[in-house]
Amino acid sequence: MDSSEFLHFLKARSSVRNYTGEPPGPEDIDYILACASTAPSAGNREAWDVIIVTDEDIRIDLALAALEQEHIREAPAIFVVCSNYIRSMSHYGERGILYALQDAAIACTYMMLAAHARSLHSCWTGAFNEDAVREILCLPEHVRPVALLAVGRGAPPLRSVGRMPVEEHTHREIW
């Protein structure tokens, strides 16, 4: 893939909130996880974990925890991406908290792009009640949910969402 193909690939991805209900196959999930495992991480600690939720009852509970966002219930798979502080704090101390959050965000980005590469659609959701998600999924204390990534086959938006010109948020040397 050359650089223009890569840019086209990135521009073709969009957040999708309407799904057919057809679940990603096991090979799709394996591919998404294999791609995520290549993500860079601080000190190669890989301070992230993911819970793959396909059970409808759990998706309903997660949708309620996500401020009643319907796409969380409708998507056939939710990848709940979490930071795992222990892995990075054992090496970096308190700074490891930040690194674990960064590791989880990068891994989730790779998952989202991997889904796109498999002709699946996704929507990164960050608006949710952390305590409710923690309780629903029985997360240990040292694990923090960072994103709910809805994945499935969906209908892309009819129109492309405009983007801010890159110059609007680019600074050189100093602010």
C-alpha atoms as a PDB file:
ATOM      1  CA  MET A   1       0.000   0.000   0.000  1.00  0.00           C
ATOM      2  CA  ASP A   2       1.460   3.361  -0.919  1.00  0.00           C
ATOM      3  CA  SER A   3       0.910   6.567   1.022  1.00  0.00           C
ATOM      4  CA  SER A   4      -2.008   7.768  -1.115  1.00  0.00           C
ATOM      5  CA  GLU A   5      -3.767   4.409  -0.676  1.00  0.00           C
ATOM      6  CA  PHE A   6      -3.228   4.640   3.064  1.00  0.00           C
ATOM      7  CA  LEU A   7      -4.717   8.143   3.235  1.00  0.00           C
ATOM      8  CA  HIS A   8      -7.694   6.975   1.163  1.00  0.00           C
ATOM      9  CA  PHE A   9      -8.137   4.005   3.544  1.00  0.00           C
ATOM     10  CA  LEU A  10      -8.177   6.358   6.546  1.00  0.00           C
ATOM     11  CA  LYS A  11     -10.587   8.812   4.917  1.00  0.00           C
ATOM     12  CA  ALA A  12     -12.958   5.980   3.955  1.00  0.00           C
ATOM     13  CA  ARG A  13     -13.460   4.977   7.604  1.00  0.00           C
ATOM     14  CA  SER A  14     -16.258   6.603   9.539  1.00  0.00           C
ATOM     15  CA  SER A  15     -18.149   5.981  12.748  1.00  0.00           C
ATOM     16  CA  VAL A  16     -21.274   3.914  12.134  1.00  0.00           C
ATOM     17  CA  ARG A  17     -24.123   3.643  14.594  1.00  0.00           C
ATOM     18  CA  ASN A  18     -26.559   1.447  12.633  1.00  0.00           C
ATOM     19  CA  TYR A  19     -25.861  -2.274  12.347  1.00  0.00           C
ATOM     20  CA  THR A  20     -27.447  -5.203  10.529  1.00  0.00           C
ATOM     21  CA  GLY A  21     -27.004  -7.528  13.496  1.00  0.00           C
ATOM     22  CA  GLU A  22     -24.745  -9.891  11.516  1.00  0.00           C
ATOM     23  CA  PRO A  23     -21.891 -10.624  13.902  1.00  0.00           C
ATOM     24  CA  PRO A  24     -18.246 -10.487  12.916  1.00  0.00           C
ATOM     25  CA  GLY A  25     -16.936 -14.000  12.371  1.00  0.00           C
ATOM     26  CA  PRO A  26     -14.347 -15.613  14.630  1.00  0.00           C
ATOM     27  CA  GLU A  27     -11.689 -14.942  11.970  1.00  0.00           C
ATOM     28  CA  ASP A  28     -12.641 -11.241  12.006  1.00  0.00           C
ATOM     29  CA  ILE A  29     -12.297 -11.081  15.784  1.00  0.00           C
ATOM     30  CA  ASP A  30      -8.971 -12.934  15.645  1.00  0.00           C
ATOM     31  CA  TYR A  31      -7.722 -10.510  12.978  1.00  0.00           C
ATOM     32  CA  ILE A  32      -8.786  -7.461  15.017  1.00  0.00           C
ATOM     33  CA  LEU A  33      -7.013  -8.815  18.099  1.00  0.00           C
ATOM     34  CA  ALA A  34      -3.888  -9.754  16.123  1.00  0.00           C
ATOM     35  CA  CYS A  35      -3.707  -6.203  14.761  1.00  0.00           C
ATOM     36  CA  ALA A  36      -4.211  -4.702  18.221  1.00  0.00           C
ATOM     37  CA  SER A  37      -1.363  -6.805  19.549  1.00  0.00           C
ATOM     38  CA  THR A  38       1.009  -4.995  17.158  1.00  0.00           C
ATOM     39  CA  ALA A  39       0.195  -1.571  18.625  1.00  0.00           C
ATOM     40  CA  PRO A  40       3.077   0.340  20.165  1.00  0.00           C
ATOM     41  CA  SER A  41       3.060   0.584  23.941  1.00  0.00           C
ATOM     42  CA  ALA A  42       5.145   2.280  26.600  1.00  0.00           C
ATOM     43  CA  GLY A  43       8.109   0.071  27.401  1.00  0.00           C
ATOM     44  CA  ASN A  44       6.365  -2.729  25.479  1.00  0.00           C
ATOM     45  CA  ARG A  45       4.247  -3.327  28.617  1.00  0.00           C
ATOM     46  CA  GLU A  46       1.051  -3.702  26.551  1.00  0.00           C
ATOM     47  CA  ALA A  47      -0.961  -2.267  29.425  1.00  0.00           C
ATOM     48  CA  TRP A  48      -4.351  -2.940  27.879  1.00  0.00           C
ATOM     49  CA  ASP A  49      -6.947  -5.689  27.935  1.00  0.00           C
ATOM     50  CA  VAL A  50     -10.159  -6.174  25.977  1.00  0.00           C
ATOM     51  CA  ILE A  51     -13.436  -7.875  26.814  1.00  0.00           C
ATOM     52  CA  ILE A  52     -15.364  -8.969  23.731  1.00  0.00           C
ATOM     53  CA  VAL A  53     -19.084  -8.823  24.427  1.00  0.00           C
ATOM     54  CA  THR A  54     -21.547 -10.517  22.076  1.00  0.00           C
ATOM     55  CA  ASP A  55     -24.207 -11.536  24.620  1.00  0.00           C
ATOM     56  CA  GLU A  56     -27.347  -9.476  24.013  1.00  0.00           C
ATOM     57  CA  ASP A  57     -28.207  -9.037  27.693  1.00  0.00           C
ATOM     58  CA  ILE A  58     -24.745  -7.711  28.498  1.00  0.00           C
ATOM     59  CA  ARG A  59     -24.887  -5.397  25.447  1.00  0.00           C
ATOM     60  CA  ILE A  60     -28.202  -4.029  26.732  1.00  0.00           C
ATOM     61  CA  ASP A  61     -26.628  -3.391  30.141  1.00  0.00           C
ATOM     62  CA  LEU A  62     -23.630  -1.710  28.476  1.00  0.00           C
ATOM     63  CA  ALA A  63     -25.965   0.453  26.361  1.00  0.00           C
ATOM     64  CA  LEU A  64     -27.678   1.639  29.545  1.00  0.00           C
ATOM     65  CA  ALA A  65     -24.272   2.358  31.103  1.00  0.00           C
ATOM     66  CA  ALA A  66     -23.348   4.241  27.908  1.00  0.00           C
ATOM     67  CA  LEU A  67     -26.054   6.836  28.501  1.00  0.00           C
ATOM     68  CA  GLU A  68     -28.598   4.738  26.571  1.00  0.00           C
ATOM     69  CA  GLN A  69     -26.701   4.890  23.279  1.00  0.00           C
ATOM     70  CA  GLU A  70     -28.573   2.429  21.080  1.00  0.00           C
ATOM     71  CA  HIS A  71     -25.650   1.491  18.853  1.00  0.00           C
ATOM     72  CA  ILE A  72     -24.043  -0.261  21.826  1.00  0.00           C
ATOM     73  CA  ARG A  73     -27.096  -2.526  22.070  1.00  0.00           C
ATOM     74  CA  GLU A  74     -27.491  -2.928  18.294  1.00  0.00           C
ATOM     75  CA  ALA A  75     -23.889  -3.719  17.378  1.00  0.00           C
ATOM     76  CA  PRO A  76     -23.358  -7.481  17.441  1.00  0.00           C
ATOM     77  CA  ALA A  77     -19.962  -7.136  19.135  1.00  0.00           C
ATOM     78  CA  ILE A  78     -18.603  -4.659  21.650  1.00  0.00           C
ATOM     79  CA  PHE A  79     -14.878  -4.561  22.304  1.00  0.00           C
ATOM     80  CA  VAL A  80     -14.511  -3.054  25.767  1.00  0.00           C
ATOM     81  CA  VAL A  81     -10.948  -1.757  25.755  1.00  0.00           C
ATOM     82  CA  CYS A  82      -9.390  -1.273  29.170  1.00  0.00           C
ATOM     83  CA  SER A  83      -6.154   0.053  30.582  1.00  0.00           C
ATOM     84  CA  ASN A  84      -4.355  -2.309  32.924  1.00  0.00           C
ATOM     85  CA  TYR A  85      -2.384  -0.112  35.312  1.00  0.00           C
ATOM     86  CA  ILE A  86      -0.438  -2.936  36.979  1.00  0.00           C
ATOM     87  CA  ARG A  87       1.479  -3.738  33.803  1.00  0.00           C
ATOM     88  CA  SER A  88       2.835  -0.222  33.390  1.00  0.00           C
ATOM     89  CA  MET A  89       2.959   0.979  37.003  1.00  0.00           C
ATOM     90  CA  SER A  90       5.193  -1.950  37.932  1.00  0.00           C
ATOM     91  CA  HIS A  91       7.853  -0.346  35.752  1.00  0.00           C
ATOM     92  CA  TYR A  92       6.937   3.372  35.621  1.00  0.00           C
ATOM     93  CA  GLY A  93       5.266   4.056  38.984  1.00  0.00           C
ATOM     94  CA  GLU A  94       2.485   6.684  38.953  1.00  0.00           C
ATOM     95  CA  ARG A  95       3.396   7.770  35.402  1.00  0.00           C
ATOM     96  CA  GLY A  96       2.356   4.255  34.359  1.00  0.00           C
ATOM     97  CA  ILE A  97      -1.302   5.271  34.779  1.00  0.00           C
ATOM     98  CA  LEU A  98      -0.969   7.690  31.870  1.00  0.00           C
ATOM     99  CA  TYR A  99       0.962   5.146  29.819  1.00  0.00           C
ATOM    100  CA  ALA A 100      -1.716   2.491  30.393  1.00  0.00           C
ATOM    101  CA  LEU A 101      -4.411   4.903  29.169  1.00  0.00           C
ATOM    102  CA  GLN A 102      -2.310   5.700  26.109  1.00  0.00           C
ATOM    103  CA  ASP A 103      -1.656   2.011  25.431  1.00  0.00           C
ATOM    104  CA  ALA A 104      -5.393   1.266  25.561  1.00  0.00           C
ATOM    105  CA  ALA A 105      -6.232   4.178  23.258  1.00  0.00           C
ATOM    106  CA  ILE A 106      -3.638   3.104  20.695  1.00  0.00           C
ATOM    107  CA  ALA A 107      -4.776  -0.539  20.836  1.00  0.00           C
ATOM    108  CA  CYS A 108      -8.395   0.578  20.364  1.00  0.00           C
ATOM    109  CA  THR A 109      -7.386   2.677  17.362  1.00  0.00           C
ATOM    110  CA  TYR A 110      -5.690  -0.356  15.828  1.00  0.00           C
ATOM    111  CA  MET A 111      -8.846  -2.427  16.496  1.00  0.00           C
ATOM    112  CA  MET A 112     -10.999   0.187  14.799  1.00  0.00           C
ATOM    113  CA  LEU A 113      -8.726   0.295  11.737  1.00  0.00           C
ATOM    114  CA  ALA A 114      -8.483  -3.511  11.644  1.00  0.00           C
ATOM    115  CA  ALA A 115     -12.286  -3.731  11.611  1.00  0.00           C
ATOM    116  CA  HIS A 116     -12.317  -1.270   8.710  1.00  0.00           C
ATOM    117  CA  ALA A 117      -9.731  -3.402   6.862  1.00  0.00           C
ATOM    118  CA  ARG A 118     -12.125  -6.382   7.224  1.00  0.00           C
ATOM    119  CA  SER A 119     -14.997  -4.311   5.736  1.00  0.00           C
ATOM    120  CA  LEU A 120     -16.632  -4.061   9.136  1.00  0.00           C
ATOM    121  CA  HIS A 121     -17.932  -0.867  10.663  1.00  0.00           C
ATOM    122  CA  SER A 122     -17.279   0.511  14.117  1.00  0.00           C
ATOM    123  CA  CYS A 123     -17.990   3.330  16.496  1.00  0.00           C
ATOM    124  CA  TRP A 124     -15.667   4.361  19.320  1.00  0.00           C
ATOM    125  CA  THR A 125     -17.728   5.331  22.355  1.00  0.00           C
ATOM    126  CA  GLY A 126     -16.165   7.143  25.288  1.00  0.00           C
ATOM    127  CA  ALA A 127     -19.322   8.420  26.964  1.00  0.00           C
ATOM    128  CA  PHE A 128     -20.263   5.862  29.595  1.00  0.00           C
ATOM    129  CA  ASN A 129     -20.538   5.401  33.332  1.00  0.00           C
ATOM    130  CA  GLU A 130     -17.228   3.776  34.278  1.00  0.00           C
ATOM    131  CA  ASP A 131     -18.507   2.355  37.552  1.00  0.00           C
ATOM    132  CA  ALA A 132     -21.488   0.728  35.822  1.00  0.00           C
ATOM    133  CA  VAL A 133     -19.251  -0.811  33.123  1.00  0.00           C
ATOM    134  CA  ARG A 134     -16.827  -1.970  35.803  1.00  0.00           C
ATOM    135  CA  GLU A 135     -19.677  -3.681  37.683  1.00  0.00           C
ATOM    136  CA  ILE A 136     -21.292  -5.234  34.573  1.00  0.00           C
ATOM    137  CA  LEU A 137     -17.991  -6.785  33.468  1.00  0.00           C
ATOM    138  CA  CYS A 138     -16.577  -7.575  36.939  1.00  0.00           C
ATOM    139  CA  LEU A 139     -13.414  -5.569  36.268  1.00  0.00           C
ATOM    140  CA  PRO A 140     -10.641  -5.698  38.876  1.00  0.00           C
ATOM    141  CA  GLU A 141      -9.581  -2.462  40.609  1.00  0.00           C
ATOM    142  CA  HIS A 142      -6.417  -1.994  38.542  1.00  0.00           C
ATOM    143  CA  VAL A 143      -8.347  -2.120  35.241  1.00  0.00           C
ATOM    144  CA  ARG A 144     -10.147   0.936  33.854  1.00  0.00           C
ATOM    145  CA  PRO A 145     -12.569   0.837  30.902  1.00  0.00           C
ATOM    146  CA  VAL A 146     -11.375   3.361  28.326  1.00  0.00           C
ATOM    147  CA  ALA A 147     -13.596   2.783  25.286  1.00  0.00           C
ATOM    148  CA  LEU A 148     -16.532   0.750  24.068  1.00  0.00           C
ATOM    149  CA  LEU A 149     -15.845  -0.119  20.427  1.00  0.00           C
ATOM    150  CA  ALA A 150     -19.014  -1.220  18.657  1.00  0.00           C
ATOM    151  CA  VAL A 151     -18.190  -3.532  15.723  1.00  0.00           C
ATOM    152  CA  GLY A 152     -20.410  -5.083  13.076  1.00  0.00           C
ATOM    153  CA  ARG A 153     -21.751  -4.774   9.575  1.00  0.00           C
ATOM    154  CA  GLY A 154     -23.535  -1.509   9.155  1.00  0.00           C
ATOM    155  CA  ALA A 155     -24.654   1.221   6.837  1.00  0.00           C
ATOM    156  CA  PRO A 156     -22.119   4.037   6.486  1.00  0.00           C
ATOM    157  CA  PRO A 157     -23.498   7.587   6.748  1.00  0.00           C
ATOM    158  CA  LEU A 158     -25.075   8.918   3.561  1.00  0.00           C
ATOM    159  CA  ARG A 159     -22.839  11.947   3.620  1.00  0.00           C
ATOM    160  CA  SER A 160     -19.268  12.332   4.644  1.00  0.00           C
ATOM    161  CA  VAL A 161     -18.649  14.191   7.870  1.00  0.00           C
ATOM    162  CA  GLY A 162     -16.572  17.309   7.313  1.00  0.00           C
ATOM    163  CA  ARG A 163     -13.235  17.547   9.022  1.00  0.00           C
ATOM    164  CA  MET A 164     -11.438  20.548  10.439  1.00  0.00           C
ATOM    165  CA  PRO A 165      -8.558  21.694   8.196  1.00  0.00           C
ATOM    166  CA  VAL A 166      -5.282  20.315   9.542  1.00  0.00           C
ATOM    167  CA  GLU A 167      -3.931  23.862   9.820  1.00  0.00           C
ATOM    168  CA  GLU A 168      -6.588  24.600  12.451  1.00  0.00           C
ATOM    169  CA  HIS A 169      -4.850  22.360  14.985  1.00  0.00           C
ATOM    170  CA  THR A 170      -1.239  22.392  13.858  1.00  0.00           C
ATOM    171  CA  HIS A 171       1.484  24.461  15.489  1.00  0.00           C
ATOM    172  CA  ARG A 172       5.141  24.566  14.552  1.00  0.00           C
ATOM    173  CA  GLU A 173       7.933  24.879  17.099  1.00  0.00           C
ATOM    174  CA  ILE A 174       5.740  26.783  19.643  1.00  0.00           C
ATOM    175  CA  TRP A 175       2.031  27.445  20.072  1.00  0.00           C
END
